[in-house]
Amino acid sequence: MDMDLLMAPLILFMIFVAPIWLILHYRSKRQVGKGLTDEEFKQLNELIDKADKMSQRITTLESILDAESPEWRQRHDR
């Protein structure tokens, strides 16, 4: 009796849930393996350019602050 109660859900799982689960799993693995799409690669390059520009701006601002107020770093490190 106990075995019959366990077999029905197990059979339903193996027929319906397991194949869908496997299909979705391997589809996601294949998408990860493909790498970046062209659009994602373009966005990544744009972000890299923005980060470089921001780094240059920070360097410029720090040099201006160093010239105008040489002790600004010590005041903000506390």
C-alpha atoms as a PDB file:
ATOM      1  CA  MET A   1       0.000   0.000   0.000  1.00  0.00           C
ATOM      2  CA  ASP A   2       2.782   2.465   0.923  1.00  0.00           C
ATOM      3  CA  MET A   3       4.658   1.684  -2.276  1.00  0.00           C
ATOM      4  CA  ASP A   4       1.606   2.446  -4.443  1.00  0.00           C
ATOM      5  CA  LEU A   5       1.223   5.884  -2.859  1.00  0.00           C
ATOM      6  CA  LEU A   6       4.851   6.671  -3.629  1.00  0.00           C
ATOM      7  CA  MET A   7       4.901   5.282  -7.175  1.00  0.00           C
ATOM      8  CA  ALA A   8       2.145   7.494  -8.625  1.00  0.00           C
ATOM      9  CA  PRO A   9       3.812  10.842  -7.806  1.00  0.00           C
ATOM     10  CA  LEU A  10       7.190   9.442  -8.831  1.00  0.00           C
ATOM     11  CA  ILE A  11       5.867   8.356 -12.217  1.00  0.00           C
ATOM     12  CA  LEU A  12       4.174  11.728 -12.751  1.00  0.00           C
ATOM     13  CA  PHE A  13       7.392  13.495 -11.823  1.00  0.00           C
ATOM     14  CA  MET A  14       9.450  11.385 -14.248  1.00  0.00           C
ATOM     15  CA  ILE A  15       6.976  11.887 -17.112  1.00  0.00           C
ATOM     16  CA  PHE A  16       6.196  15.594 -16.774  1.00  0.00           C
ATOM     17  CA  VAL A  17       8.548  17.482 -14.469  1.00  0.00           C
ATOM     18  CA  ALA A  18      11.935  15.848 -15.104  1.00  0.00           C
ATOM     19  CA  PRO A  19      12.017  16.354 -18.907  1.00  0.00           C
ATOM     20  CA  ILE A  20      11.013  20.027 -18.617  1.00  0.00           C
ATOM     21  CA  TRP A  21      13.556  20.511 -15.859  1.00  0.00           C
ATOM     22  CA  LEU A  22      16.331  18.965 -17.972  1.00  0.00           C
ATOM     23  CA  ILE A  23      15.411  20.976 -21.071  1.00  0.00           C
ATOM     24  CA  LEU A  24      15.452  24.256 -19.144  1.00  0.00           C
ATOM     25  CA  HIS A  25      18.694  23.345 -17.379  1.00  0.00           C
ATOM     26  CA  TYR A  26      20.625  22.557 -20.542  1.00  0.00           C
ATOM     27  CA  ARG A  27      19.143  25.531 -22.408  1.00  0.00           C
ATOM     28  CA  SER A  28      20.464  27.864 -19.708  1.00  0.00           C
ATOM     29  CA  LYS A  29      23.865  26.113 -19.774  1.00  0.00           C
ATOM     30  CA  ARG A  30      24.063  26.627 -23.546  1.00  0.00           C
ATOM     31  CA  GLN A  31      23.200  30.336 -23.228  1.00  0.00           C
ATOM     32  CA  VAL A  32      25.894  30.830 -20.592  1.00  0.00           C
ATOM     33  CA  GLY A  33      28.415  29.042 -22.783  1.00  0.00           C
ATOM     34  CA  LYS A  34      27.722  31.293 -25.769  1.00  0.00           C
ATOM     35  CA  GLY A  35      29.152  34.344 -24.048  1.00  0.00           C
ATOM     36  CA  LEU A  36      28.080  37.925 -24.593  1.00  0.00           C
ATOM     37  CA  THR A  37      25.715  38.976 -27.353  1.00  0.00           C
ATOM     38  CA  ASP A  38      26.706  41.819 -29.648  1.00  0.00           C
ATOM     39  CA  GLU A  39      24.437  44.209 -27.747  1.00  0.00           C
ATOM     40  CA  GLU A  40      25.882  43.157 -24.376  1.00  0.00           C
ATOM     41  CA  PHE A  41      29.413  43.535 -25.739  1.00  0.00           C
ATOM     42  CA  LYS A  42      28.560  47.029 -27.009  1.00  0.00           C
ATOM     43  CA  GLN A  43      27.113  47.998 -23.610  1.00  0.00           C
ATOM     44  CA  LEU A  44      30.191  46.637 -21.847  1.00  0.00           C
ATOM     45  CA  ASN A  45      32.493  48.718 -24.048  1.00  0.00           C
ATOM     46  CA  GLU A  46      30.381  51.822 -23.385  1.00  0.00           C
ATOM     47  CA  LEU A  47      30.639  51.219 -19.635  1.00  0.00           C
ATOM     48  CA  ILE A  48      34.399  50.790 -19.924  1.00  0.00           C
ATOM     49  CA  ASP A  49      34.648  54.111 -21.786  1.00  0.00           C
ATOM     50  CA  LYS A  50      32.521  55.847 -19.147  1.00  0.00           C
ATOM     51  CA  ALA A  51      34.645  54.394 -16.356  1.00  0.00           C
ATOM     52  CA  ASP A  52      37.832  55.627 -18.066  1.00  0.00           C
ATOM     53  CA  LYS A  53      36.379  59.138 -18.454  1.00  0.00           C
ATOM     54  CA  MET A  54      35.275  59.140 -14.814  1.00  0.00           C
ATOM     55  CA  SER A  55      38.747  58.065 -13.711  1.00  0.00           C
ATOM     56  CA  GLN A  56      40.296  60.919 -15.698  1.00  0.00           C
ATOM     57  CA  ARG A  57      37.852  63.393 -14.160  1.00  0.00           C
ATOM     58  CA  ILE A  58      38.642  62.183 -10.651  1.00  0.00           C
ATOM     59  CA  THR A  59      42.357  62.515 -11.311  1.00  0.00           C
ATOM     60  CA  THR A  60      41.817  66.063 -12.609  1.00  0.00           C
ATOM     61  CA  LEU A  61      39.680  67.011  -9.608  1.00  0.00           C
ATOM     62  CA  GLU A  62      42.257  65.605  -7.203  1.00  0.00           C
ATOM     63  CA  SER A  63      45.044  67.575  -8.866  1.00  0.00           C
ATOM     64  CA  ILE A  64      42.946  70.767  -8.631  1.00  0.00           C
ATOM     65  CA  LEU A  65      42.247  70.090  -4.957  1.00  0.00           C
ATOM     66  CA  ASP A  66      45.934  69.345  -4.341  1.00  0.00           C
ATOM     67  CA  ALA A  67      46.862  72.715  -5.848  1.00  0.00           C
ATOM     68  CA  GLU A  68      44.180  74.739  -4.056  1.00  0.00           C
ATOM     69  CA  SER A  69      44.061  72.944  -0.726  1.00  0.00           C
ATOM     70  CA  PRO A  70      47.080  70.671  -0.197  1.00  0.00           C
ATOM     71  CA  GLU A  71      45.789  69.268   3.101  1.00  0.00           C
ATOM     72  CA  TRP A  72      42.365  68.145   1.846  1.00  0.00           C
ATOM     73  CA  ARG A  73      43.315  64.444   1.867  1.00  0.00           C
ATOM     74  CA  GLN A  74      44.378  64.508   5.509  1.00  0.00           C
ATOM     75  CA  ARG A  75      41.170  66.197   6.584  1.00  0.00           C
ATOM     76  CA  HIS A  76      38.967  63.581   4.892  1.00  0.00           C
ATOM     77  CA  ASP A  77      40.978  60.507   5.891  1.00  0.00           C
ATOM     78  CA  ARG A  78      39.924  60.806   9.520  1.00  0.00           C
END
